[in-house]
Amino acid sequence: MAKYSKKASEEVEKAVREQKKGKLKSGKSGKKVKTKKQAVAIGLSKARKKGAKVPKKKSSKKKSD
């Protein structure tokens, strides 16, 4: 079974293309996205908001000593 839906992969493709053209900007700050990794994260986030099948974000685990 696919991990991501087709719609999710399309959103990621769009975001990466925008990043290559230098037109993709990050959330609140509005700064240009510099890495492909950031572009993929933004694409997945947009897909999540549109209701596409995307796995949940990995939350950071806190160490307890």
N, C-alpha and C. Protein backbone atom coordinates (compact mmCIF):
# COMPACT_ATOMS: atom_id res chain seq x y z
N MET A 1 0.83 -1.19 0.00
CA MET A 1 0.00 0.00 0.00
C MET A 1 0.88 1.26 0.00
N ALA A 2 0.47 2.24 -0.74
CA ALA A 2 1.26 3.47 -0.88
C ALA A 2 1.29 4.27 0.42
N LYS A 3 2.45 4.85 0.68
CA LYS A 3 2.60 5.65 1.89
C LYS A 3 1.97 7.04 1.70
N TYR A 4 2.11 7.58 0.49
CA TYR A 4 1.57 8.90 0.18
C TYR A 4 0.57 8.79 -0.97
N SER A 5 -0.42 9.64 -0.96
CA SER A 5 -1.40 9.64 -2.05
C SER A 5 -0.81 10.34 -3.28
N LYS A 6 -1.48 10.17 -4.40
CA LYS A 6 -1.01 10.81 -5.64
C LYS A 6 -1.08 12.33 -5.49
N LYS A 7 -2.14 12.82 -4.85
CA LYS A 7 -2.32 14.26 -4.64
C LYS A 7 -1.17 14.82 -3.80
N ALA A 8 -0.73 14.06 -2.80
CA ALA A 8 0.38 14.51 -1.96
C ALA A 8 1.65 14.64 -2.78
N SER A 9 1.91 13.66 -3.64
CA SER A 9 3.13 13.73 -4.44
C SER A 9 3.07 14.88 -5.45
N GLU A 10 1.87 15.19 -5.93
CA GLU A 10 1.72 16.33 -6.84
C GLU A 10 2.03 17.64 -6.13
N GLU A 11 1.57 17.77 -4.89
CA GLU A 11 1.84 18.98 -4.09
C GLU A 11 3.34 19.14 -3.86
N VAL A 12 4.00 18.03 -3.57
CA VAL A 12 5.45 18.08 -3.34
C VAL A 12 6.16 18.48 -4.63
N GLU A 13 5.75 17.91 -5.74
CA GLU A 13 6.35 18.27 -7.03
C GLU A 13 6.22 19.76 -7.31
N LYS A 14 5.01 20.29 -7.05
CA LYS A 14 4.76 21.72 -7.26
C LYS A 14 5.70 22.57 -6.41
N ALA A 15 5.82 22.19 -5.14
CA ALA A 15 6.66 22.95 -4.21
C ALA A 15 8.12 22.92 -4.64
N VAL A 16 8.60 21.76 -5.06
CA VAL A 16 10.01 21.64 -5.49
C VAL A 16 10.26 22.46 -6.74
N ARG A 17 9.30 22.45 -7.68
CA ARG A 17 9.44 23.26 -8.90
C ARG A 17 9.52 24.74 -8.56
N GLU A 18 8.63 25.18 -7.65
CA GLU A 18 8.64 26.59 -7.23
C GLU A 18 9.97 26.95 -6.58
N GLN A 19 10.50 26.03 -5.78
CA GLN A 19 11.78 26.27 -5.09
C GLN A 19 12.90 26.42 -6.11
N LYS A 20 12.88 25.58 -7.14
CA LYS A 20 13.92 25.66 -8.18
C LYS A 20 13.87 27.00 -8.92
N LYS A 21 12.66 27.52 -9.11
CA LYS A 21 12.50 28.81 -9.78
C LYS A 21 12.81 29.98 -8.84
N GLY A 22 12.90 29.68 -7.55
CA GLY A 22 13.18 30.72 -6.56
C GLY A 22 11.95 31.48 -6.12
N LYS A 23 10.76 30.87 -6.27
CA LYS A 23 9.52 31.55 -5.94
C LYS A 23 8.85 31.00 -4.68
N LEU A 24 9.36 29.90 -4.14
CA LEU A 24 8.74 29.29 -2.96
C LEU A 24 9.21 30.01 -1.70
N LYS A 25 8.26 30.40 -0.89
CA LYS A 25 8.58 31.10 0.36
C LYS A 25 8.00 30.35 1.55
N SER A 26 8.70 30.45 2.67
CA SER A 26 8.24 29.75 3.86
C SER A 26 7.12 30.51 4.56
N GLY A 27 6.45 29.83 5.45
CA GLY A 27 5.28 30.32 6.18
C GLY A 27 5.24 31.77 6.59
N LYS A 28 5.32 32.02 7.89
CA LYS A 28 5.10 33.37 8.44
C LYS A 28 6.18 34.37 8.03
N SER A 29 7.43 33.92 8.03
CA SER A 29 8.53 34.86 7.74
C SER A 29 8.55 35.30 6.28
N GLY A 30 8.11 34.42 5.39
CA GLY A 30 8.08 34.76 3.97
C GLY A 30 9.44 34.76 3.31
N LYS A 31 10.43 34.13 3.98
CA LYS A 31 11.77 34.04 3.40
C LYS A 31 11.80 32.98 2.31
N LYS A 32 12.71 33.15 1.35
CA LYS A 32 12.85 32.17 0.27
C LYS A 32 13.36 30.85 0.83
N VAL A 33 12.82 29.78 0.30
CA VAL A 33 13.25 28.43 0.70
C VAL A 33 14.52 28.10 -0.06
N LYS A 34 15.53 27.63 0.66
CA LYS A 34 16.84 27.40 0.03
C LYS A 34 17.13 25.94 -0.28
N THR A 35 16.53 25.01 0.46
CA THR A 35 16.87 23.60 0.24
C THR A 35 15.68 22.80 -0.27
N LYS A 36 16.01 21.72 -0.95
CA LYS A 36 14.99 20.82 -1.48
C LYS A 36 14.22 20.17 -0.33
N LYS A 37 14.92 19.89 0.76
CA LYS A 37 14.30 19.26 1.92
C LYS A 37 13.19 20.14 2.50
N GLN A 38 13.44 21.44 2.56
CA GLN A 38 12.42 22.38 3.04
C GLN A 38 11.23 22.40 2.09
N ALA A 39 11.51 22.36 0.79
CA ALA A 39 10.46 22.40 -0.22
C ALA A 39 9.55 21.17 -0.09
N VAL A 40 10.15 20.02 0.13
CA VAL A 40 9.38 18.79 0.30
C VAL A 40 8.50 18.89 1.54
N ALA A 41 9.05 19.41 2.62
CA ALA A 41 8.29 19.56 3.87
C ALA A 41 7.09 20.50 3.67
N ILE A 42 7.30 21.57 2.93
CA ILE A 42 6.21 22.52 2.66
C ILE A 42 5.14 21.86 1.79
N GLY A 43 5.56 21.10 0.78
CA GLY A 43 4.63 20.39 -0.09
C GLY A 43 3.78 19.40 0.68
N LEU A 44 4.40 18.65 1.59
CA LEU A 44 3.66 17.68 2.40
C LEU A 44 2.70 18.38 3.34
N SER A 45 3.12 19.50 3.88
CA SER A 45 2.27 20.27 4.79
C SER A 45 1.02 20.78 4.06
N LYS A 46 1.23 21.29 2.85
CA LYS A 46 0.09 21.78 2.04
C LYS A 46 -0.86 20.63 1.71
N ALA A 47 -0.29 19.47 1.37
CA ALA A 47 -1.11 18.30 1.05
C ALA A 47 -1.92 17.86 2.27
N ARG A 48 -1.29 17.91 3.44
CA ARG A 48 -1.96 17.55 4.69
C ARG A 48 -3.17 18.45 4.92
N LYS A 49 -2.98 19.75 4.68
CA LYS A 49 -4.05 20.73 4.87
C LYS A 49 -5.21 20.50 3.90
N LYS A 50 -4.88 20.00 2.70
CA LYS A 50 -5.92 19.74 1.69
C LYS A 50 -6.60 18.39 1.90
N GLY A 51 -6.12 17.63 2.88
CA GLY A 51 -6.76 16.36 3.21
C GLY A 51 -6.22 15.16 2.46
N ALA A 52 -5.06 15.29 1.84
CA ALA A 52 -4.46 14.16 1.12
C ALA A 52 -3.90 13.15 2.13
N LYS A 53 -3.71 11.92 1.66
CA LYS A 53 -3.19 10.87 2.52
C LYS A 53 -1.68 11.04 2.71
N VAL A 54 -1.33 11.53 3.89
CA VAL A 54 0.07 11.77 4.23
C VAL A 54 0.26 11.30 5.66
N PRO A 55 1.33 10.55 5.95
CA PRO A 55 1.57 10.11 7.32
C PRO A 55 1.74 11.31 8.26
N LYS A 56 1.47 11.10 9.54
CA LYS A 56 1.59 12.18 10.52
C LYS A 56 3.04 12.62 10.64
N LYS A 57 3.21 13.87 11.09
CA LYS A 57 4.56 14.39 11.33
C LYS A 57 5.20 13.59 12.44
N LYS A 58 6.50 13.40 12.36
CA LYS A 58 7.22 12.73 13.45
C LYS A 58 7.45 13.76 14.53
N SER A 59 6.98 13.46 15.72
CA SER A 59 7.19 14.41 16.82
C SER A 59 8.51 14.09 17.50
N SER A 60 9.14 15.11 18.01
CA SER A 60 10.41 14.90 18.68
C SER A 60 10.15 14.31 20.06
N LYS A 61 10.91 13.31 20.38
CA LYS A 61 10.75 12.62 21.67
C LYS A 61 11.67 13.27 22.69
N LYS A 62 11.12 13.57 23.85
CA LYS A 62 11.94 14.17 24.90
C LYS A 62 12.58 13.08 25.73
N LYS A 63 13.85 13.30 26.07
CA LYS A 63 14.56 12.33 26.93
C LYS A 63 14.17 12.53 28.37
N SER A 64 13.97 11.45 29.06
CA SER A 64 13.71 11.57 30.49
C SER A 64 14.74 10.72 31.22
N ASP A 65 15.61 11.38 31.96
CA ASP A 65 16.67 10.67 32.67
C ASP A 65 16.32 10.51 34.12
